Amino acid sequence: MALKRKKKSLPRARRTGLAAAPTDSYRWFASYVRLEVDKKDIASITRNWIRNNFTGDKLKFMLEGPDWVYGGLYDTAAIIEWVINRGNDVPKGYDI
C-alpha cells in the first residue's frame, strides 16, 4: 500500500486593513471600514481623493484641517473606496 502524504500548509500572512474587507455588499464593506480600518488609512483615502479632485484655493483650504478631521470620515472613505477605487456600483440612497 502506498502511503498518502499530507499536504504541507504554508503560513500565510493575515490580510488586514482594506485588503481584508468583505466585498459581498456595500453594507458589510462600510461596517468593516467603520470598525476595523485604522483612522490613518481613512485619512489617507480622504486626503488622496481631495488631492485628485480639487485645485487651487479649494485644495489648500480643504487640506489645512488637522488629521482628526479626516480620520472620522468613515462613510466617505467607504464610498470612495467602494465606487471609485474598486469600480462597484453606487449603493442605493447615495449620490456622488
N, C-alpha and C. Protein backbone atom coordinates (compact mmCIF):
# COMPACT_ATOMS: atom_id res chain seq x y z
N MET A 1 0.82 -1.19 0.00
CA MET A 1 0.00 0.00 0.00
C MET A 1 0.87 1.25 0.00
N ALA A 2 0.49 2.18 -0.81
CA ALA A 2 1.22 3.42 -0.87
C ALA A 2 0.73 4.36 0.24
N LEU A 3 1.66 5.03 0.86
CA LEU A 3 1.30 5.98 1.92
C LEU A 3 0.93 7.32 1.30
N LYS A 4 -0.12 7.89 1.84
CA LYS A 4 -0.52 9.22 1.37
C LYS A 4 0.23 10.27 2.18
N ARG A 5 0.77 11.20 1.45
CA ARG A 5 1.48 12.28 2.12
C ARG A 5 0.51 13.41 2.46
N LYS A 6 0.75 13.97 3.60
CA LYS A 6 -0.06 15.13 3.98
C LYS A 6 0.42 16.35 3.21
N LYS A 7 -0.52 17.14 2.80
CA LYS A 7 -0.15 18.39 2.15
C LYS A 7 0.36 19.35 3.21
N LYS A 8 1.45 19.97 2.89
CA LYS A 8 2.01 20.95 3.83
C LYS A 8 1.24 22.25 3.68
N SER A 9 0.80 22.78 4.79
CA SER A 9 0.13 24.07 4.73
C SER A 9 1.17 25.16 4.94
N LEU A 10 1.19 26.07 4.04
CA LEU A 10 2.15 27.16 4.11
C LEU A 10 1.60 28.28 4.98
N PRO A 11 2.45 28.88 5.77
CA PRO A 11 1.96 30.01 6.58
C PRO A 11 1.61 31.18 5.67
N ARG A 12 0.50 31.76 5.93
CA ARG A 12 0.04 32.90 5.13
C ARG A 12 -0.15 34.09 6.05
N ALA A 13 0.24 35.22 5.57
CA ALA A 13 0.06 36.44 6.34
C ALA A 13 -1.42 36.80 6.34
N ARG A 14 -1.90 37.20 7.46
CA ARG A 14 -3.30 37.59 7.58
C ARG A 14 -3.50 38.92 6.90
N ARG A 15 -4.54 39.00 6.10
CA ARG A 15 -4.84 40.26 5.43
C ARG A 15 -5.46 41.21 6.45
N THR A 16 -5.06 42.45 6.40
CA THR A 16 -5.61 43.45 7.31
C THR A 16 -5.96 44.69 6.52
N GLY A 17 -6.61 45.61 7.18
CA GLY A 17 -6.97 46.87 6.54
C GLY A 17 -8.02 46.67 5.46
N LEU A 18 -7.95 47.48 4.44
CA LEU A 18 -8.93 47.40 3.36
C LEU A 18 -8.80 46.13 2.52
N ALA A 19 -7.63 45.51 2.54
CA ALA A 19 -7.45 44.28 1.77
C ALA A 19 -8.32 43.15 2.31
N ALA A 20 -8.65 43.20 3.58
CA ALA A 20 -9.45 42.13 4.20
C ALA A 20 -10.94 42.46 4.23
N ALA A 21 -11.33 43.57 3.68
CA ALA A 21 -12.73 43.99 3.73
C ALA A 21 -13.61 43.07 2.89
N PRO A 22 -14.80 42.74 3.39
CA PRO A 22 -15.72 41.90 2.59
C PRO A 22 -16.27 42.69 1.41
N THR A 23 -16.41 42.01 0.29
CA THR A 23 -16.88 42.69 -0.92
C THR A 23 -18.23 42.16 -1.38
N ASP A 24 -18.95 41.46 -0.51
CA ASP A 24 -20.25 40.91 -0.88
C ASP A 24 -21.28 42.01 -1.11
N SER A 25 -21.33 42.96 -0.19
CA SER A 25 -22.28 44.07 -0.33
C SER A 25 -21.69 45.31 0.32
N TYR A 26 -22.21 46.45 -0.08
CA TYR A 26 -21.70 47.70 0.48
C TYR A 26 -21.98 47.78 1.98
N ARG A 27 -23.07 47.24 2.43
CA ARG A 27 -23.41 47.29 3.86
C ARG A 27 -22.30 46.69 4.71
N TRP A 28 -21.84 45.50 4.35
CA TRP A 28 -20.80 44.84 5.13
C TRP A 28 -19.45 45.51 4.93
N PHE A 29 -19.23 46.01 3.74
CA PHE A 29 -17.98 46.73 3.46
C PHE A 29 -17.88 47.98 4.32
N ALA A 30 -18.95 48.77 4.37
CA ALA A 30 -18.95 50.00 5.15
C ALA A 30 -18.82 49.71 6.64
N SER A 31 -19.48 48.66 7.10
CA SER A 31 -19.37 48.28 8.50
C SER A 31 -17.94 47.89 8.85
N TYR A 32 -17.30 47.14 7.97
CA TYR A 32 -15.91 46.75 8.20
C TYR A 32 -15.01 47.98 8.25
N VAL A 33 -15.19 48.90 7.32
CA VAL A 33 -14.38 50.11 7.29
C VAL A 33 -14.54 50.89 8.59
N ARG A 34 -15.77 50.98 9.06
CA ARG A 34 -16.03 51.73 10.29
C ARG A 34 -15.39 51.09 11.51
N LEU A 35 -15.39 49.77 11.57
CA LEU A 35 -14.92 49.08 12.77
C LEU A 35 -13.46 48.64 12.74
N GLU A 36 -12.94 48.31 11.59
CA GLU A 36 -11.63 47.65 11.53
C GLU A 36 -10.50 48.45 10.90
N VAL A 37 -10.80 49.42 10.08
CA VAL A 37 -9.74 50.15 9.37
C VAL A 37 -9.24 51.29 10.26
N ASP A 38 -7.92 51.46 10.30
CA ASP A 38 -7.30 52.50 11.12
C ASP A 38 -7.68 53.89 10.63
N LYS A 39 -7.68 54.82 11.57
CA LYS A 39 -8.01 56.21 11.22
C LYS A 39 -6.98 56.80 10.26
N LYS A 40 -5.74 56.36 10.36
CA LYS A 40 -4.71 56.85 9.43
C LYS A 40 -5.05 56.47 7.99
N ASP A 41 -5.53 55.25 7.81
CA ASP A 41 -5.91 54.81 6.47
C ASP A 41 -7.12 55.56 5.95
N ILE A 42 -8.08 55.82 6.84
CA ILE A 42 -9.27 56.60 6.47
C ILE A 42 -8.85 58.00 6.02
N ALA A 43 -7.96 58.61 6.80
CA ALA A 43 -7.50 59.96 6.48
C ALA A 43 -6.75 59.98 5.15
N SER A 44 -5.93 58.97 4.88
CA SER A 44 -5.18 58.97 3.62
C SER A 44 -6.09 58.77 2.42
N ILE A 45 -7.12 57.93 2.55
CA ILE A 45 -8.07 57.76 1.44
C ILE A 45 -8.77 59.08 1.14
N THR A 46 -9.23 59.75 2.18
CA THR A 46 -9.96 61.01 2.00
C THR A 46 -9.06 62.10 1.44
N ARG A 47 -7.86 62.23 2.00
CA ARG A 47 -6.94 63.26 1.52
C ARG A 47 -6.52 63.01 0.06
N ASN A 48 -6.28 61.77 -0.30
CA ASN A 48 -5.91 61.48 -1.69
C ASN A 48 -7.03 61.82 -2.65
N TRP A 49 -8.27 61.54 -2.26
CA TRP A 49 -9.40 61.90 -3.10
C TRP A 49 -9.50 63.42 -3.25
N ILE A 50 -9.29 64.15 -2.17
CA ILE A 50 -9.32 65.61 -2.22
C ILE A 50 -8.22 66.12 -3.15
N ARG A 51 -7.01 65.57 -3.03
CA ARG A 51 -5.90 65.99 -3.89
C ARG A 51 -6.19 65.76 -5.37
N ASN A 52 -6.90 64.68 -5.68
CA ASN A 52 -7.18 64.35 -7.07
C ASN A 52 -8.37 65.10 -7.66
N ASN A 53 -9.21 65.69 -6.82
CA ASN A 53 -10.45 66.30 -7.32
C ASN A 53 -10.58 67.79 -7.11
N PHE A 54 -9.64 68.42 -6.45
CA PHE A 54 -9.70 69.86 -6.23
C PHE A 54 -8.38 70.49 -6.61
N THR A 55 -8.43 71.78 -6.94
CA THR A 55 -7.23 72.52 -7.29
C THR A 55 -7.29 73.90 -6.65
N GLY A 56 -6.16 74.55 -6.64
CA GLY A 56 -6.07 75.94 -6.21
C GLY A 56 -6.43 76.18 -4.76
N ASP A 57 -7.22 77.24 -4.54
CA ASP A 57 -7.57 77.66 -3.19
C ASP A 57 -8.43 76.62 -2.46
N LYS A 58 -9.31 75.95 -3.20
CA LYS A 58 -10.15 74.92 -2.56
C LYS A 58 -9.28 73.79 -2.02
N LEU A 59 -8.31 73.36 -2.79
CA LEU A 59 -7.42 72.29 -2.35
C LEU A 59 -6.65 72.71 -1.11
N LYS A 60 -6.10 73.89 -1.14
CA LYS A 60 -5.33 74.39 0.01
C LYS A 60 -6.21 74.48 1.25
N PHE A 61 -7.41 75.00 1.09
CA PHE A 61 -8.33 75.14 2.22
C PHE A 61 -8.73 73.78 2.80
N MET A 62 -9.03 72.83 1.92
CA MET A 62 -9.51 71.53 2.40
C MET A 62 -8.41 70.70 3.05
N LEU A 63 -7.17 70.89 2.68
CA LEU A 63 -6.08 70.12 3.28
C LEU A 63 -5.48 70.78 4.51
N GLU A 64 -5.94 71.97 4.87
CA GLU A 64 -5.42 72.65 6.06
C GLU A 64 -5.91 72.05 7.37
N GLY A 65 -6.95 71.27 7.33
CA GLY A 65 -7.53 70.73 8.54
C GLY A 65 -6.61 69.75 9.25
N PRO A 66 -6.79 69.58 10.55
CA PRO A 66 -5.97 68.61 11.30
C PRO A 66 -6.34 67.18 10.93
N ASP A 67 -5.47 66.25 11.29
CA ASP A 67 -5.67 64.85 10.92
C ASP A 67 -6.93 64.24 11.50
N TRP A 68 -7.34 64.67 12.69
CA TRP A 68 -8.52 64.07 13.31
C TRP A 68 -9.79 64.35 12.51
N VAL A 69 -9.78 65.42 11.73
CA VAL A 69 -10.96 65.74 10.91
C VAL A 69 -11.17 64.66 9.85
N TYR A 70 -10.11 64.24 9.22
CA TYR A 70 -10.20 63.28 8.12
C TYR A 70 -10.29 61.84 8.61
N GLY A 71 -9.82 61.57 9.82
CA GLY A 71 -9.84 60.22 10.35
C GLY A 71 -11.23 59.74 10.73
N GLY A 72 -12.19 60.65 10.90
CA GLY A 72 -13.53 60.27 11.30
C GLY A 72 -14.52 60.15 10.15
N LEU A 73 -14.07 60.29 8.94
CA LEU A 73 -14.95 60.25 7.77
C LEU A 73 -15.06 58.82 7.23
N TYR A 74 -15.58 57.92 8.05
CA TYR A 74 -15.64 56.51 7.68
C TYR A 74 -16.53 56.27 6.46
N ASP A 75 -17.72 56.83 6.47
CA ASP A 75 -18.65 56.59 5.38
C ASP A 75 -18.15 57.19 4.08
N THR A 76 -17.54 58.35 4.17
CA THR A 76 -16.97 58.98 2.98
C THR A 76 -15.86 58.11 2.40
N ALA A 77 -14.98 57.63 3.25
CA ALA A 77 -13.88 56.77 2.79
C ALA A 77 -14.41 55.46 2.22
N ALA A 78 -15.47 54.93 2.82
CA ALA A 78 -16.05 53.68 2.32
C ALA A 78 -16.64 53.89 0.92
N ILE A 79 -17.34 54.99 0.71
CA ILE A 79 -17.91 55.30 -0.61
C ILE A 79 -16.79 55.50 -1.64
N ILE A 80 -15.76 56.25 -1.27
CA ILE A 80 -14.65 56.49 -2.19
C ILE A 80 -14.01 55.17 -2.59
N GLU A 81 -13.73 54.33 -1.62
CA GLU A 81 -13.08 53.05 -1.90
C GLU A 81 -13.99 52.12 -2.69
N TRP A 82 -15.26 52.05 -2.31
CA TRP A 82 -16.21 51.12 -2.95
C TRP A 82 -16.47 51.49 -4.41
N VAL A 83 -16.75 52.76 -4.66
CA VAL A 83 -17.16 53.18 -6.00
C VAL A 83 -15.97 53.56 -6.88
N ILE A 84 -15.13 54.43 -6.40
CA ILE A 84 -14.08 54.98 -7.26
C ILE A 84 -12.90 54.02 -7.40
N ASN A 85 -12.38 53.53 -6.29
CA ASN A 85 -11.18 52.70 -6.37
C ASN A 85 -11.46 51.25 -6.78
N ARG A 86 -12.62 50.71 -6.41
CA ARG A 86 -12.92 49.32 -6.75
C ARG A 86 -13.87 49.18 -7.93
N GLY A 87 -14.48 50.26 -8.38
CA GLY A 87 -15.32 50.25 -9.58
C GLY A 87 -16.68 49.60 -9.41
N ASN A 88 -17.21 49.54 -8.20
CA ASN A 88 -18.54 48.97 -7.97
C ASN A 88 -19.62 50.01 -8.21
N ASP A 89 -20.86 49.57 -8.23
CA ASP A 89 -21.99 50.48 -8.41
C ASP A 89 -22.20 51.30 -7.15
N VAL A 90 -22.82 52.46 -7.35
CA VAL A 90 -23.16 53.33 -6.22
C VAL A 90 -24.26 52.65 -5.40
N PRO A 91 -24.10 52.56 -4.08
CA PRO A 91 -25.15 51.95 -3.26
C PRO A 91 -26.43 52.77 -3.30
N LYS A 92 -27.55 52.11 -3.06
CA LYS A 92 -28.83 52.82 -3.04
C LYS A 92 -28.85 53.87 -1.95
N GLY A 93 -29.41 55.01 -2.27
CA GLY A 93 -29.53 56.09 -1.29
C GLY A 93 -28.33 57.04 -1.27
N TYR A 94 -27.34 56.84 -2.13
CA TYR A 94 -26.17 57.71 -2.16
C TYR A 94 -26.08 58.37 -3.53
N ASP A 95 -25.72 59.62 -3.52
CA ASP A 95 -25.46 60.35 -4.75
C ASP A 95 -24.00 60.80 -4.72
N ILE A 96 -23.33 60.60 -5.82
CA ILE A 96 -21.92 61.04 -5.88
C ILE A 96 -21.79 62.06 -6.98
